[in-house]
């Protein structure tokens, strides 16, 4: 995304769902308000924000969402005969919701600011990425299935930030951890945190597959 101060976009609030830059997210659209959102997006810039629900209500009584979200672009759209749709989003950037705007539509509209990665210490980032690659290689050998796919995913990214994001989307299942990694703009720190998560997966799978003593 271009370096803009703020943007206006519709939100698609979902529980425990996160959209990471560079990652793909399939969605099934069936509610009338989100059918309307989809139609408007397809007629415009094809961009929307995936906002994660908190389980609480905001000051207006609407379902509250976490402020740091992912904005994505619709890259595939498959309508079904009953009016529903299957879509595929590609993550474009992190963003922070600044305010909710009057919509005049069935769906919610917000003003948000893009969030940009912090490069930090280059040598630290490179070391963190190298360790992440080592850990994912170990994980790929322990997985009962999907190992070759994981290797291809790692090979598809040669920069730490994008690699970290696509691997988080693919491997991390805990919603709080995913949100924390989404909010971490420091690339080296985010990569180190993800490496620790992958190392934990490796240890768990190793214990499960090792012969009993």
N, C-alpha and C. Protein backbone atom coordinates (compact mmCIF):
# COMPACT_ATOMS: atom_id res chain seq x y z
N UNK A 1 0.84 -1.20 0.00
CA UNK A 1 0.00 0.00 0.00
C UNK A 1 0.87 1.25 0.00
N UNK A 2 0.36 2.31 -0.55
CA UNK A 2 1.11 3.56 -0.56
C UNK A 2 1.12 4.18 0.82
N UNK A 3 2.07 5.06 1.03
CA UNK A 3 2.24 5.69 2.34
C UNK A 3 1.21 6.81 2.50
N UNK A 4 -0.01 6.44 2.95
CA UNK A 4 -1.08 7.40 3.14
C UNK A 4 -1.34 7.58 4.63
N UNK A 5 -1.87 8.74 4.98
CA UNK A 5 -2.12 9.02 6.39
C UNK A 5 -3.29 8.21 6.93
N UNK A 6 -4.35 8.07 6.14
CA UNK A 6 -5.50 7.29 6.59
C UNK A 6 -6.28 6.83 5.37
N UNK A 7 -7.16 5.88 5.61
CA UNK A 7 -7.98 5.33 4.53
C UNK A 7 -9.35 5.01 5.08
N UNK A 8 -10.32 4.94 4.20
CA UNK A 8 -11.68 4.58 4.57
C UNK A 8 -12.01 3.24 3.93
N UNK A 9 -12.51 2.32 4.74
CA UNK A 9 -12.79 0.98 4.22
C UNK A 9 -13.89 0.32 5.06
N UNK A 10 -14.63 -0.61 4.48
CA UNK A 10 -15.61 -1.38 5.26
C UNK A 10 -14.89 -2.42 6.11
N UNK A 11 -15.52 -2.82 7.19
CA UNK A 11 -14.95 -3.88 8.02
C UNK A 11 -15.83 -5.12 7.95
N UNK A 12 -15.17 -6.26 8.00
CA UNK A 12 -15.82 -7.57 8.06
C UNK A 12 -15.41 -8.15 9.40
N UNK A 13 -16.23 -7.94 10.45
CA UNK A 13 -15.86 -8.43 11.79
C UNK A 13 -16.09 -9.93 11.92
N UNK A 14 -15.08 -10.62 12.46
CA UNK A 14 -15.17 -12.06 12.65
C UNK A 14 -14.50 -12.44 13.97
N UNK A 15 -14.98 -13.49 14.62
CA UNK A 15 -14.33 -13.95 15.85
C UNK A 15 -13.08 -14.76 15.56
N UNK A 16 -11.98 -14.40 16.21
CA UNK A 16 -10.73 -15.18 16.17
C UNK A 16 -10.19 -15.36 14.75
N UNK A 17 -10.40 -14.39 13.88
CA UNK A 17 -9.87 -14.44 12.52
C UNK A 17 -8.96 -13.23 12.30
N UNK A 18 -7.81 -13.47 11.67
CA UNK A 18 -6.84 -12.40 11.42
C UNK A 18 -6.35 -12.49 9.99
N UNK A 19 -6.15 -11.35 9.38
CA UNK A 19 -5.61 -11.29 8.03
C UNK A 19 -4.22 -10.67 8.09
N UNK A 20 -3.22 -11.44 7.68
CA UNK A 20 -1.84 -10.97 7.70
C UNK A 20 -1.40 -10.51 6.31
N UNK A 21 -0.55 -9.49 6.25
CA UNK A 21 0.00 -9.10 4.96
C UNK A 21 0.66 -10.29 4.27
N UNK A 22 0.49 -10.37 2.96
CA UNK A 22 1.11 -11.40 2.12
C UNK A 22 0.41 -12.77 2.22
N UNK A 23 -0.47 -12.94 3.19
CA UNK A 23 -1.15 -14.23 3.38
C UNK A 23 -2.51 -14.22 2.67
N UNK A 24 -3.03 -15.41 2.43
CA UNK A 24 -4.34 -15.57 1.80
C UNK A 24 -5.36 -16.04 2.83
N UNK A 25 -6.58 -15.53 2.70
CA UNK A 25 -7.65 -15.89 3.63
C UNK A 25 -8.92 -16.18 2.84
N UNK A 26 -9.40 -17.44 2.83
CA UNK A 26 -10.68 -17.75 2.17
C UNK A 26 -11.84 -17.44 3.11
N UNK A 27 -12.92 -16.93 2.56
CA UNK A 27 -14.11 -16.61 3.34
C UNK A 27 -15.36 -17.02 2.58
N UNK A 28 -16.39 -17.40 3.33
CA UNK A 28 -17.70 -17.69 2.75
C UNK A 28 -18.65 -16.56 3.16
N UNK A 29 -19.22 -15.88 2.22
CA UNK A 29 -20.06 -14.71 2.48
C UNK A 29 -21.52 -15.11 2.28
N UNK A 30 -22.34 -14.96 3.34
CA UNK A 30 -23.73 -15.38 3.22
C UNK A 30 -24.72 -14.40 3.83
N UNK A 31 -24.32 -13.61 4.86
CA UNK A 31 -25.26 -12.67 5.48
C UNK A 31 -25.56 -11.53 4.52
N UNK A 32 -26.81 -11.02 4.52
CA UNK A 32 -27.18 -9.94 3.60
C UNK A 32 -26.28 -8.72 3.67
N UNK A 33 -25.87 -8.32 4.89
CA UNK A 33 -25.03 -7.13 5.01
C UNK A 33 -23.66 -7.33 4.37
N UNK A 34 -23.16 -8.56 4.45
CA UNK A 34 -21.84 -8.81 3.88
C UNK A 34 -21.93 -9.14 2.38
N UNK A 35 -23.12 -9.58 1.94
CA UNK A 35 -23.33 -9.66 0.49
C UNK A 35 -23.29 -8.25 -0.10
N UNK A 36 -23.92 -7.31 0.61
CA UNK A 36 -23.90 -5.93 0.16
C UNK A 36 -22.48 -5.36 0.20
N UNK A 37 -21.76 -5.64 1.27
CA UNK A 37 -20.37 -5.21 1.38
C UNK A 37 -19.55 -5.75 0.21
N UNK A 38 -19.73 -7.03 -0.08
CA UNK A 38 -18.97 -7.65 -1.16
C UNK A 38 -19.30 -7.00 -2.50
N UNK A 39 -20.58 -6.78 -2.76
CA UNK A 39 -20.97 -6.16 -4.02
C UNK A 39 -20.35 -4.77 -4.17
N UNK A 40 -20.35 -4.00 -3.08
CA UNK A 40 -19.77 -2.66 -3.13
C UNK A 40 -18.26 -2.73 -3.32
N UNK A 41 -17.61 -3.68 -2.65
CA UNK A 41 -16.16 -3.83 -2.80
C UNK A 41 -15.79 -4.21 -4.22
N UNK A 42 -16.53 -5.15 -4.80
CA UNK A 42 -16.23 -5.60 -6.15
C UNK A 42 -16.44 -4.49 -7.17
N UNK A 43 -17.34 -3.57 -6.85
CA UNK A 43 -17.60 -2.44 -7.75
C UNK A 43 -16.59 -1.32 -7.55
N UNK A 44 -15.78 -1.41 -6.49
CA UNK A 44 -14.82 -0.36 -6.18
C UNK A 44 -13.39 -0.87 -6.19
N UNK A 45 -12.68 -0.61 -5.08
CA UNK A 45 -11.26 -0.95 -5.01
C UNK A 45 -11.00 -2.38 -4.56
N UNK A 46 -12.04 -3.14 -4.23
CA UNK A 46 -11.94 -4.54 -3.83
C UNK A 46 -11.18 -4.70 -2.51
N UNK A 47 -11.21 -3.68 -1.68
CA UNK A 47 -10.48 -3.74 -0.41
C UNK A 47 -11.43 -3.70 0.78
N UNK A 48 -11.10 -4.47 1.80
CA UNK A 48 -11.86 -4.47 3.04
C UNK A 48 -10.95 -4.84 4.19
N UNK A 49 -11.41 -4.54 5.40
CA UNK A 49 -10.64 -4.80 6.61
C UNK A 49 -11.27 -5.98 7.35
N UNK A 50 -10.43 -6.96 7.69
CA UNK A 50 -10.88 -8.04 8.56
C UNK A 50 -10.61 -7.61 10.00
N UNK A 51 -11.68 -7.37 10.74
CA UNK A 51 -11.57 -6.90 12.12
C UNK A 51 -11.94 -8.04 13.07
N UNK A 52 -11.15 -8.22 14.10
CA UNK A 52 -11.37 -9.33 15.04
C UNK A 52 -12.28 -8.89 16.18
N UNK A 53 -13.37 -9.61 16.36
CA UNK A 53 -14.32 -9.29 17.42
C UNK A 53 -13.73 -9.58 18.80
N UNK A 54 -14.09 -8.74 19.78
CA UNK A 54 -13.60 -8.93 21.14
C UNK A 54 -14.57 -9.74 22.01
N UNK A 55 -15.82 -9.88 21.56
CA UNK A 55 -16.83 -10.53 22.38
C UNK A 55 -17.57 -9.56 23.27
N UNK A 56 -17.23 -8.27 23.18
CA UNK A 56 -17.90 -7.23 23.96
C UNK A 56 -18.56 -6.24 23.02
N UNK A 57 -19.18 -5.21 23.60
CA UNK A 57 -19.83 -4.16 22.81
C UNK A 57 -19.10 -2.85 23.02
N UNK A 58 -19.11 -1.99 21.97
CA UNK A 58 -18.49 -0.69 22.12
C UNK A 58 -19.49 0.31 22.69
N UNK A 59 -19.12 1.58 22.74
CA UNK A 59 -19.96 2.60 23.37
C UNK A 59 -21.31 2.75 22.68
N UNK A 60 -21.36 2.43 21.40
CA UNK A 60 -22.62 2.57 20.65
C UNK A 60 -23.49 1.33 20.75
N UNK A 61 -22.96 0.28 21.36
CA UNK A 61 -23.69 -0.97 21.47
C UNK A 61 -23.38 -1.96 20.37
N UNK A 62 -22.55 -1.56 19.41
CA UNK A 62 -22.15 -2.47 18.33
C UNK A 62 -21.09 -3.44 18.84
N UNK A 63 -20.97 -4.61 18.23
CA UNK A 63 -19.91 -5.54 18.63
C UNK A 63 -18.54 -4.88 18.49
N UNK A 64 -17.77 -4.89 19.57
CA UNK A 64 -16.46 -4.23 19.56
C UNK A 64 -15.45 -5.08 18.80
N UNK A 65 -14.50 -4.39 18.18
CA UNK A 65 -13.43 -5.07 17.44
C UNK A 65 -12.09 -4.55 17.95
N UNK A 66 -11.06 -5.36 17.79
CA UNK A 66 -9.71 -4.94 18.15
C UNK A 66 -9.22 -3.89 17.15
N UNK A 67 -8.52 -2.87 17.62
CA UNK A 67 -8.16 -1.76 16.72
C UNK A 67 -7.14 -2.12 15.65
N UNK A 68 -6.20 -3.02 15.95
CA UNK A 68 -5.19 -3.39 14.96
C UNK A 68 -5.73 -4.55 14.14
N UNK A 69 -5.78 -4.35 12.83
CA UNK A 69 -6.42 -5.29 11.92
C UNK A 69 -5.56 -5.49 10.68
N UNK A 70 -6.08 -6.29 9.76
CA UNK A 70 -5.44 -6.46 8.47
C UNK A 70 -6.35 -6.01 7.36
N UNK A 71 -5.83 -5.25 6.42
CA UNK A 71 -6.62 -4.84 5.26
C UNK A 71 -6.20 -5.70 4.08
N UNK A 72 -7.18 -6.15 3.31
CA UNK A 72 -6.88 -7.04 2.21
C UNK A 72 -7.62 -6.69 0.94
N UNK A 73 -7.23 -7.36 -0.11
CA UNK A 73 -7.83 -7.17 -1.43
C UNK A 73 -8.47 -8.47 -1.88
N UNK A 74 -9.65 -8.37 -2.45
CA UNK A 74 -10.33 -9.55 -2.98
C UNK A 74 -9.63 -9.95 -4.27
N UNK A 75 -9.06 -11.16 -4.28
CA UNK A 75 -8.33 -11.60 -5.47
C UNK A 75 -9.06 -12.73 -6.20
N UNK A 76 -10.10 -13.27 -5.58
CA UNK A 76 -10.91 -14.29 -6.24
C UNK A 76 -12.32 -14.22 -5.69
N UNK A 77 -13.30 -14.44 -6.57
CA UNK A 77 -14.70 -14.36 -6.17
C UNK A 77 -15.47 -15.43 -6.94
N UNK A 78 -16.14 -16.30 -6.17
CA UNK A 78 -16.93 -17.37 -6.79
C UNK A 78 -18.35 -17.32 -6.24
N UNK A 79 -19.29 -16.74 -6.99
CA UNK A 79 -20.67 -16.70 -6.52
C UNK A 79 -21.32 -18.08 -6.62
N UNK A 80 -22.27 -18.34 -5.75
CA UNK A 80 -23.01 -19.60 -5.78
C UNK A 80 -24.45 -19.32 -6.22
N UNK A 81 -25.18 -20.34 -6.69
CA UNK A 81 -26.53 -20.11 -7.22
C UNK A 81 -27.50 -19.49 -6.22
N UNK A 82 -27.27 -19.71 -4.92
CA UNK A 82 -28.20 -19.19 -3.91
C UNK A 82 -27.86 -17.78 -3.45
N UNK A 83 -26.93 -17.12 -4.12
CA UNK A 83 -26.61 -15.74 -3.78
C UNK A 83 -25.46 -15.59 -2.82
N UNK A 84 -24.93 -16.69 -2.31
CA UNK A 84 -23.76 -16.62 -1.45
C UNK A 84 -22.50 -16.51 -2.31
N UNK A 85 -21.36 -16.36 -1.66
CA UNK A 85 -20.11 -16.24 -2.42
C UNK A 85 -18.96 -16.83 -1.62
N UNK A 86 -18.02 -17.40 -2.32
CA UNK A 86 -16.72 -17.76 -1.76
C UNK A 86 -15.71 -16.76 -2.31
N UNK A 87 -14.95 -16.15 -1.40
CA UNK A 87 -13.97 -15.17 -1.84
C UNK A 87 -12.60 -15.53 -1.25
N UNK A 88 -11.58 -14.97 -1.87
CA UNK A 88 -10.22 -15.14 -1.37
C UNK A 88 -9.60 -13.76 -1.23
N UNK A 89 -9.13 -13.48 -0.01
CA UNK A 89 -8.47 -12.20 0.27
C UNK A 89 -6.97 -12.39 0.31
N UNK A 90 -6.24 -11.41 -0.19
CA UNK A 90 -4.79 -11.35 -0.02
C UNK A 90 -4.48 -10.18 0.88
N UNK A 91 -3.76 -10.44 1.98
CA UNK A 91 -3.43 -9.38 2.91
C UNK A 91 -2.51 -8.35 2.28
N UNK A 92 -2.82 -7.09 2.50
CA UNK A 92 -2.02 -5.99 1.95
C UNK A 92 -1.18 -5.30 3.01
N UNK A 93 -1.77 -5.06 4.19
CA UNK A 93 -1.06 -4.30 5.21
C UNK A 93 -1.76 -4.43 6.55
N UNK A 94 -1.03 -4.08 7.60
CA UNK A 94 -1.62 -3.88 8.90
C UNK A 94 -2.25 -2.49 8.94
N UNK A 95 -3.25 -2.33 9.78
CA UNK A 95 -3.82 -1.00 9.96
C UNK A 95 -4.41 -0.89 11.36
N UNK A 96 -4.64 0.35 11.78
CA UNK A 96 -5.26 0.62 13.08
C UNK A 96 -6.52 1.43 12.85
N UNK A 97 -7.64 0.94 13.38
CA UNK A 97 -8.90 1.66 13.25
C UNK A 97 -8.85 2.91 14.12
N UNK A 98 -9.13 4.05 13.51
CA UNK A 98 -9.13 5.33 14.22
C UNK A 98 -10.52 5.73 14.69
N UNK A 99 -11.50 5.48 13.86
CA UNK A 99 -12.88 5.82 14.22
C UNK A 99 -13.85 5.11 13.29
N UNK A 100 -15.06 4.90 13.80
CA UNK A 100 -16.12 4.35 12.95
C UNK A 100 -16.88 5.50 12.33
N UNK A 101 -17.24 5.36 11.06
CA UNK A 101 -17.89 6.42 10.30
C UNK A 101 -19.34 6.07 10.03
N UNK A 102 -20.20 7.08 9.84
CA UNK A 102 -21.56 6.78 9.39
C UNK A 102 -21.50 6.05 8.06
N UNK A 103 -22.24 4.98 7.93
CA UNK A 103 -22.11 4.14 6.76
C UNK A 103 -23.21 4.38 5.72
N UNK A 104 -24.45 4.42 6.17
CA UNK A 104 -25.55 4.50 5.24
C UNK A 104 -25.80 3.19 4.50
N UNK A 105 -25.06 2.15 4.90
CA UNK A 105 -25.20 0.84 4.31
C UNK A 105 -25.47 -0.17 5.43
N UNK A 106 -25.66 -1.42 5.08
CA UNK A 106 -25.92 -2.44 6.09
C UNK A 106 -24.67 -2.79 6.89
N UNK A 107 -23.50 -2.56 6.30
CA UNK A 107 -22.24 -2.92 6.93
C UNK A 107 -21.58 -1.69 7.57
N UNK A 108 -20.53 -1.94 8.34
CA UNK A 108 -19.84 -0.88 9.07
C UNK A 108 -18.65 -0.34 8.27
N UNK A 109 -18.40 0.96 8.46
CA UNK A 109 -17.35 1.65 7.73
C UNK A 109 -16.44 2.34 8.74
N UNK A 110 -15.13 2.31 8.51
CA UNK A 110 -14.19 2.93 9.45
C UNK A 110 -13.15 3.76 8.71
N UNK A 111 -12.53 4.64 9.48
CA UNK A 111 -11.31 5.32 9.02
C UNK A 111 -10.15 4.68 9.76
N UNK A 112 -9.13 4.30 9.03
CA UNK A 112 -7.99 3.59 9.61
C UNK A 112 -6.69 4.16 9.08
N UNK A 113 -5.62 3.93 9.84
CA UNK A 113 -4.29 4.34 9.40
C UNK A 113 -3.45 3.10 9.12
N UNK A 114 -2.69 3.08 8.02
CA UNK A 114 -1.80 1.96 7.77
C UNK A 114 -0.70 1.91 8.82
N UNK A 115 -0.27 0.72 9.17
CA UNK A 115 0.85 0.51 10.09
C UNK A 115 2.01 -0.09 9.32
N UNK A 116 3.18 0.47 9.49
CA UNK A 116 4.33 0.04 8.70
C UNK A 116 5.36 -0.64 9.59
N UNK A 117 6.01 -1.64 9.03
CA UNK A 117 7.01 -2.39 9.77
C UNK A 117 8.19 -1.52 10.18
N UNK A 118 8.81 -1.90 11.29
CA UNK A 118 10.02 -1.24 11.76
C UNK A 118 11.20 -2.17 11.51
N UNK A 119 12.11 -1.73 10.64
CA UNK A 119 13.22 -2.60 10.23
C UNK A 119 14.13 -2.95 11.39
N UNK A 120 14.48 -1.97 12.23
CA UNK A 120 15.33 -2.24 13.38
C UNK A 120 16.73 -2.67 12.99
N UNK A 121 17.33 -3.49 13.84
CA UNK A 121 18.69 -3.97 13.64
C UNK A 121 18.71 -5.04 12.54
N UNK A 122 19.41 -4.72 11.43
CA UNK A 122 19.40 -5.63 10.28
C UNK A 122 20.04 -6.97 10.63
N UNK A 123 21.16 -6.96 11.34
CA UNK A 123 21.84 -8.22 11.68
C UNK A 123 20.97 -9.07 12.59
N UNK A 124 20.28 -8.44 13.52
CA UNK A 124 19.38 -9.20 14.41
C UNK A 124 18.24 -9.82 13.60
N UNK A 125 17.71 -9.06 12.66
CA UNK A 125 16.62 -9.56 11.83
C UNK A 125 17.09 -10.74 10.99
N UNK A 126 18.26 -10.63 10.40
CA UNK A 126 18.79 -11.71 9.57
C UNK A 126 19.03 -12.97 10.39
N UNK A 127 19.55 -12.80 11.60
CA UNK A 127 19.78 -13.95 12.47
C UNK A 127 18.46 -14.60 12.87
N UNK A 128 17.46 -13.77 13.16
CA UNK A 128 16.15 -14.30 13.54
C UNK A 128 15.51 -15.05 12.39
N UNK A 129 15.65 -14.52 11.19
CA UNK A 129 15.08 -15.19 10.02
C UNK A 129 15.77 -16.53 9.77
N UNK A 130 17.09 -16.56 9.91
CA UNK A 130 17.83 -17.81 9.70
C UNK A 130 17.37 -18.87 10.69
N UNK A 131 17.17 -18.48 11.94
CA UNK A 131 16.71 -19.43 12.95
C UNK A 131 15.29 -19.90 12.67
N UNK A 132 14.45 -18.99 12.18
CA UNK A 132 13.08 -19.36 11.83
C UNK A 132 13.07 -20.39 10.71
N UNK A 133 13.92 -20.19 9.71
CA UNK A 133 14.00 -21.15 8.60
C UNK A 133 14.44 -22.52 9.11
N UNK A 134 15.41 -22.55 10.02
CA UNK A 134 15.89 -23.81 10.59
C UNK A 134 14.75 -24.52 11.32
N UNK A 135 14.00 -23.77 12.12
CA UNK A 135 12.92 -24.37 12.90
C UNK A 135 11.80 -24.90 12.00
N UNK A 136 11.47 -24.15 10.95
CA UNK A 136 10.40 -24.61 10.06
C UNK A 136 10.84 -25.85 9.27
N UNK A 137 12.14 -25.94 8.96
CA UNK A 137 12.65 -27.14 8.30
C UNK A 137 12.49 -28.35 9.22
N UNK A 138 12.80 -28.18 10.49
CA UNK A 138 12.61 -29.27 11.45
C UNK A 138 11.14 -29.64 11.56
N UNK A 139 10.28 -28.62 11.60
CA UNK A 139 8.85 -28.87 11.70
C UNK A 139 8.34 -29.62 10.49
N UNK A 140 8.81 -29.25 9.31
CA UNK A 140 8.34 -29.90 8.08
C UNK A 140 8.65 -31.40 8.09
N UNK A 141 9.76 -31.79 8.73
CA UNK A 141 10.13 -33.21 8.79
C UNK A 141 9.29 -33.98 9.80
N UNK A 142 8.70 -33.28 10.76
CA UNK A 142 7.92 -33.94 11.81
C UNK A 142 6.42 -33.99 11.51
N UNK A 143 5.96 -33.13 10.62
CA UNK A 143 4.53 -33.08 10.33
C UNK A 143 4.07 -34.38 9.68
N UNK A 144 2.92 -34.91 10.11
CA UNK A 144 2.40 -36.13 9.47
C UNK A 144 2.00 -35.91 8.02
N UNK A 145 1.65 -34.67 7.69
CA UNK A 145 1.33 -34.30 6.31
C UNK A 145 1.58 -32.80 6.16
N UNK A 146 1.77 -32.38 4.94
CA UNK A 146 1.95 -30.95 4.69
C UNK A 146 3.37 -30.45 4.76
N UNK A 147 4.33 -31.34 5.02
CA UNK A 147 5.72 -30.92 5.10
C UNK A 147 6.23 -30.26 3.83
N UNK A 148 6.02 -30.89 2.66
CA UNK A 148 6.48 -30.26 1.42
C UNK A 148 5.81 -28.91 1.16
N UNK A 149 4.54 -28.78 1.53
CA UNK A 149 3.84 -27.51 1.35
C UNK A 149 4.46 -26.43 2.22
N UNK A 150 4.82 -26.80 3.45
CA UNK A 150 5.46 -25.84 4.34
C UNK A 150 6.81 -25.39 3.77
N UNK A 151 7.57 -26.32 3.22
CA UNK A 151 8.85 -25.97 2.62
C UNK A 151 8.67 -24.99 1.46
N UNK A 152 7.65 -25.22 0.64
CA UNK A 152 7.38 -24.32 -0.47
C UNK A 152 6.98 -22.94 0.03
N UNK A 153 6.23 -22.91 1.12
CA UNK A 153 5.81 -21.63 1.68
C UNK A 153 7.02 -20.84 2.16
N UNK A 154 7.95 -21.52 2.82
CA UNK A 154 9.17 -20.85 3.28
C UNK A 154 9.98 -20.35 2.08
N UNK A 155 10.08 -21.17 1.05
CA UNK A 155 10.86 -20.79 -0.13
C UNK A 155 10.23 -19.64 -0.91
N UNK A 156 8.93 -19.40 -0.70
CA UNK A 156 8.24 -18.35 -1.45
C UNK A 156 8.57 -16.95 -0.96
N UNK A 157 9.20 -16.83 0.22
CA UNK A 157 9.50 -15.52 0.78
C UNK A 157 10.97 -15.46 1.17
N UNK A 158 11.65 -14.41 0.71
CA UNK A 158 13.07 -14.26 1.04
C UNK A 158 13.35 -13.03 1.89
N UNK A 159 12.29 -12.45 2.47
CA UNK A 159 12.41 -11.30 3.36
C UNK A 159 11.73 -11.66 4.67
N UNK A 160 12.33 -11.23 5.78
CA UNK A 160 11.87 -11.68 7.10
C UNK A 160 10.42 -11.32 7.38
N UNK A 161 10.02 -10.08 7.13
CA UNK A 161 8.66 -9.65 7.46
C UNK A 161 7.59 -10.48 6.76
N UNK A 162 7.63 -10.56 5.43
CA UNK A 162 6.64 -11.38 4.73
C UNK A 162 6.70 -12.86 5.12
N UNK A 163 7.91 -13.40 5.31
CA UNK A 163 8.03 -14.80 5.72
C UNK A 163 7.34 -15.03 7.05
N UNK A 164 7.60 -14.14 7.98
CA UNK A 164 7.00 -14.26 9.31
C UNK A 164 5.47 -14.22 9.21
N UNK A 165 4.95 -13.33 8.37
CA UNK A 165 3.50 -13.17 8.28
C UNK A 165 2.82 -14.39 7.66
N UNK A 166 3.39 -14.93 6.57
CA UNK A 166 2.73 -16.08 5.94
C UNK A 166 2.84 -17.32 6.82
N UNK A 167 3.93 -17.44 7.56
CA UNK A 167 4.07 -18.59 8.46
C UNK A 167 3.16 -18.47 9.68
N UNK A 168 2.98 -17.26 10.17
CA UNK A 168 2.05 -17.06 11.28
C UNK A 168 0.64 -17.46 10.85
N UNK A 169 0.25 -17.01 9.66
CA UNK A 169 -1.08 -17.34 9.16
C UNK A 169 -1.26 -18.84 9.01
N UNK A 170 -0.20 -19.54 8.64
CA UNK A 170 -0.29 -20.97 8.37
C UNK A 170 -0.15 -21.85 9.61
N UNK A 171 0.63 -21.39 10.59
CA UNK A 171 1.03 -22.29 11.68
C UNK A 171 0.45 -21.95 13.05
N UNK A 172 0.20 -20.69 13.32
CA UNK A 172 -0.22 -20.28 14.66
C UNK A 172 -1.74 -20.33 14.75
N UNK A 173 -2.25 -21.08 15.72
CA UNK A 173 -3.69 -21.25 15.86
C UNK A 173 -4.28 -20.47 17.03
N UNK A 174 -3.48 -20.16 18.03
CA UNK A 174 -4.00 -19.43 19.19
C UNK A 174 -4.33 -17.99 18.79
N UNK A 175 -5.57 -17.57 19.05
CA UNK A 175 -6.02 -16.26 18.59
C UNK A 175 -5.25 -15.12 19.25
N UNK A 176 -4.96 -15.24 20.54
CA UNK A 176 -4.25 -14.16 21.24
C UNK A 176 -2.83 -14.03 20.70
N UNK A 177 -2.19 -15.15 20.41
CA UNK A 177 -0.83 -15.11 19.87
C UNK A 177 -0.83 -14.51 18.47
N UNK A 178 -1.81 -14.88 17.66
CA UNK A 178 -1.92 -14.31 16.31
C UNK A 178 -2.10 -12.80 16.38
N UNK A 179 -2.96 -12.35 17.29
CA UNK A 179 -3.18 -10.91 17.41
C UNK A 179 -1.92 -10.20 17.87
N UNK A 180 -1.20 -10.80 18.82
CA UNK A 180 0.04 -10.21 19.31
C UNK A 180 1.06 -10.08 18.18
N UNK A 181 1.18 -11.10 17.34
CA UNK A 181 2.11 -11.05 16.22
C UNK A 181 1.66 -10.04 15.17
N UNK A 182 0.36 -9.89 15.01
CA UNK A 182 -0.16 -8.88 14.09
C UNK A 182 0.19 -7.48 14.57
N UNK A 183 0.18 -7.29 15.88
CA UNK A 183 0.45 -5.97 16.46
C UNK A 183 1.94 -5.66 16.58
N UNK A 184 2.81 -6.65 16.43
CA UNK A 184 4.25 -6.45 16.60
C UNK A 184 4.85 -5.93 15.29
N UNK A 185 5.22 -4.65 15.28
CA UNK A 185 5.73 -4.03 14.06
C UNK A 185 7.23 -4.23 13.89
N UNK A 186 7.95 -4.45 14.99
CA UNK A 186 9.39 -4.70 14.92
C UNK A 186 9.62 -6.07 14.29
N UNK A 187 10.24 -6.09 13.11
CA UNK A 187 10.37 -7.33 12.36
C UNK A 187 11.21 -8.36 13.10
N UNK A 188 12.34 -7.93 13.65
CA UNK A 188 13.20 -8.87 14.36
C UNK A 188 12.48 -9.48 15.55
N UNK A 189 11.80 -8.65 16.33
CA UNK A 189 11.08 -9.15 17.51
C UNK A 189 9.96 -10.09 17.09
N UNK A 190 9.23 -9.74 16.05
CA UNK A 190 8.13 -10.60 15.59
C UNK A 190 8.67 -11.94 15.11
N UNK A 191 9.78 -11.92 14.40
CA UNK A 191 10.37 -13.16 13.90
C UNK A 191 10.87 -14.03 15.05
N UNK A 192 11.47 -13.41 16.04
CA UNK A 192 11.93 -14.16 17.22
C UNK A 192 10.76 -14.80 17.95
N UNK A 193 9.67 -14.06 18.09
CA UNK A 193 8.51 -14.60 18.78
C UNK A 193 7.89 -15.76 17.99
N UNK A 194 7.82 -15.62 16.68
CA UNK A 194 7.29 -16.71 15.88
C UNK A 194 8.20 -17.93 15.94
N UNK A 195 9.51 -17.71 15.92
CA UNK A 195 10.45 -18.82 16.02
C UNK A 195 10.23 -19.61 17.30
N UNK A 196 9.96 -18.91 18.39
CA UNK A 196 9.68 -19.59 19.66
C UNK A 196 8.40 -20.42 19.56
N UNK A 197 7.39 -19.91 18.86
CA UNK A 197 6.16 -20.67 18.67
C UNK A 197 6.41 -21.93 17.84
N UNK A 198 7.20 -21.78 16.77
CA UNK A 198 7.51 -22.94 15.93
C UNK A 198 8.35 -23.95 16.70
N UNK A 199 9.29 -23.48 17.50
CA UNK A 199 10.11 -24.38 18.32
C UNK A 199 9.24 -25.17 19.29
N UNK A 200 8.21 -24.53 19.82
CA UNK A 200 7.29 -25.24 20.72
C UNK A 200 6.53 -26.33 19.97
N UNK A 201 6.11 -26.04 18.72
CA UNK A 201 5.45 -27.05 17.90
C UNK A 201 6.39 -28.22 17.62
N UNK A 202 7.64 -27.90 17.31
CA UNK A 202 8.64 -28.94 17.04
C UNK A 202 8.81 -29.84 18.26
N UNK A 203 8.93 -29.22 19.44
CA UNK A 203 9.11 -30.00 20.66
C UNK A 203 7.90 -30.90 20.93
N UNK A 204 6.71 -30.36 20.71
CA UNK A 204 5.49 -31.15 20.94
C UNK A 204 5.41 -32.34 20.00
N UNK A 205 5.66 -32.10 18.71
CA UNK A 205 5.60 -33.18 17.73
C UNK A 205 6.72 -34.20 17.95
N UNK A 206 7.86 -33.73 18.36
CA UNK A 206 8.98 -34.64 18.63
C UNK A 206 8.64 -35.59 19.77
N UNK A 207 8.02 -35.02 20.82
CA UNK A 207 7.63 -35.86 21.97
C UNK A 207 6.59 -36.90 21.56
N UNK A 208 5.67 -36.49 20.67
CA UNK A 208 4.60 -37.41 20.25
C UNK A 208 5.13 -38.54 19.39
N UNK A 209 6.17 -38.25 18.60
CA UNK A 209 6.66 -39.25 17.64
C UNK A 209 7.83 -40.06 18.17
N UNK A 210 8.41 -39.63 19.32
CA UNK A 210 9.54 -40.37 19.86
C UNK A 210 9.06 -41.66 20.54
N UNK A 211 9.81 -42.74 20.40
CA UNK A 211 9.44 -44.00 21.09
C UNK A 211 9.41 -43.79 22.60
N UNK A 212 8.50 -44.46 23.26
CA UNK A 212 8.41 -44.36 24.72
C UNK A 212 9.65 -44.93 25.37
N UNK A 213 10.14 -44.24 26.39
CA UNK A 213 11.32 -44.73 27.11
C UNK A 213 10.93 -45.84 28.07
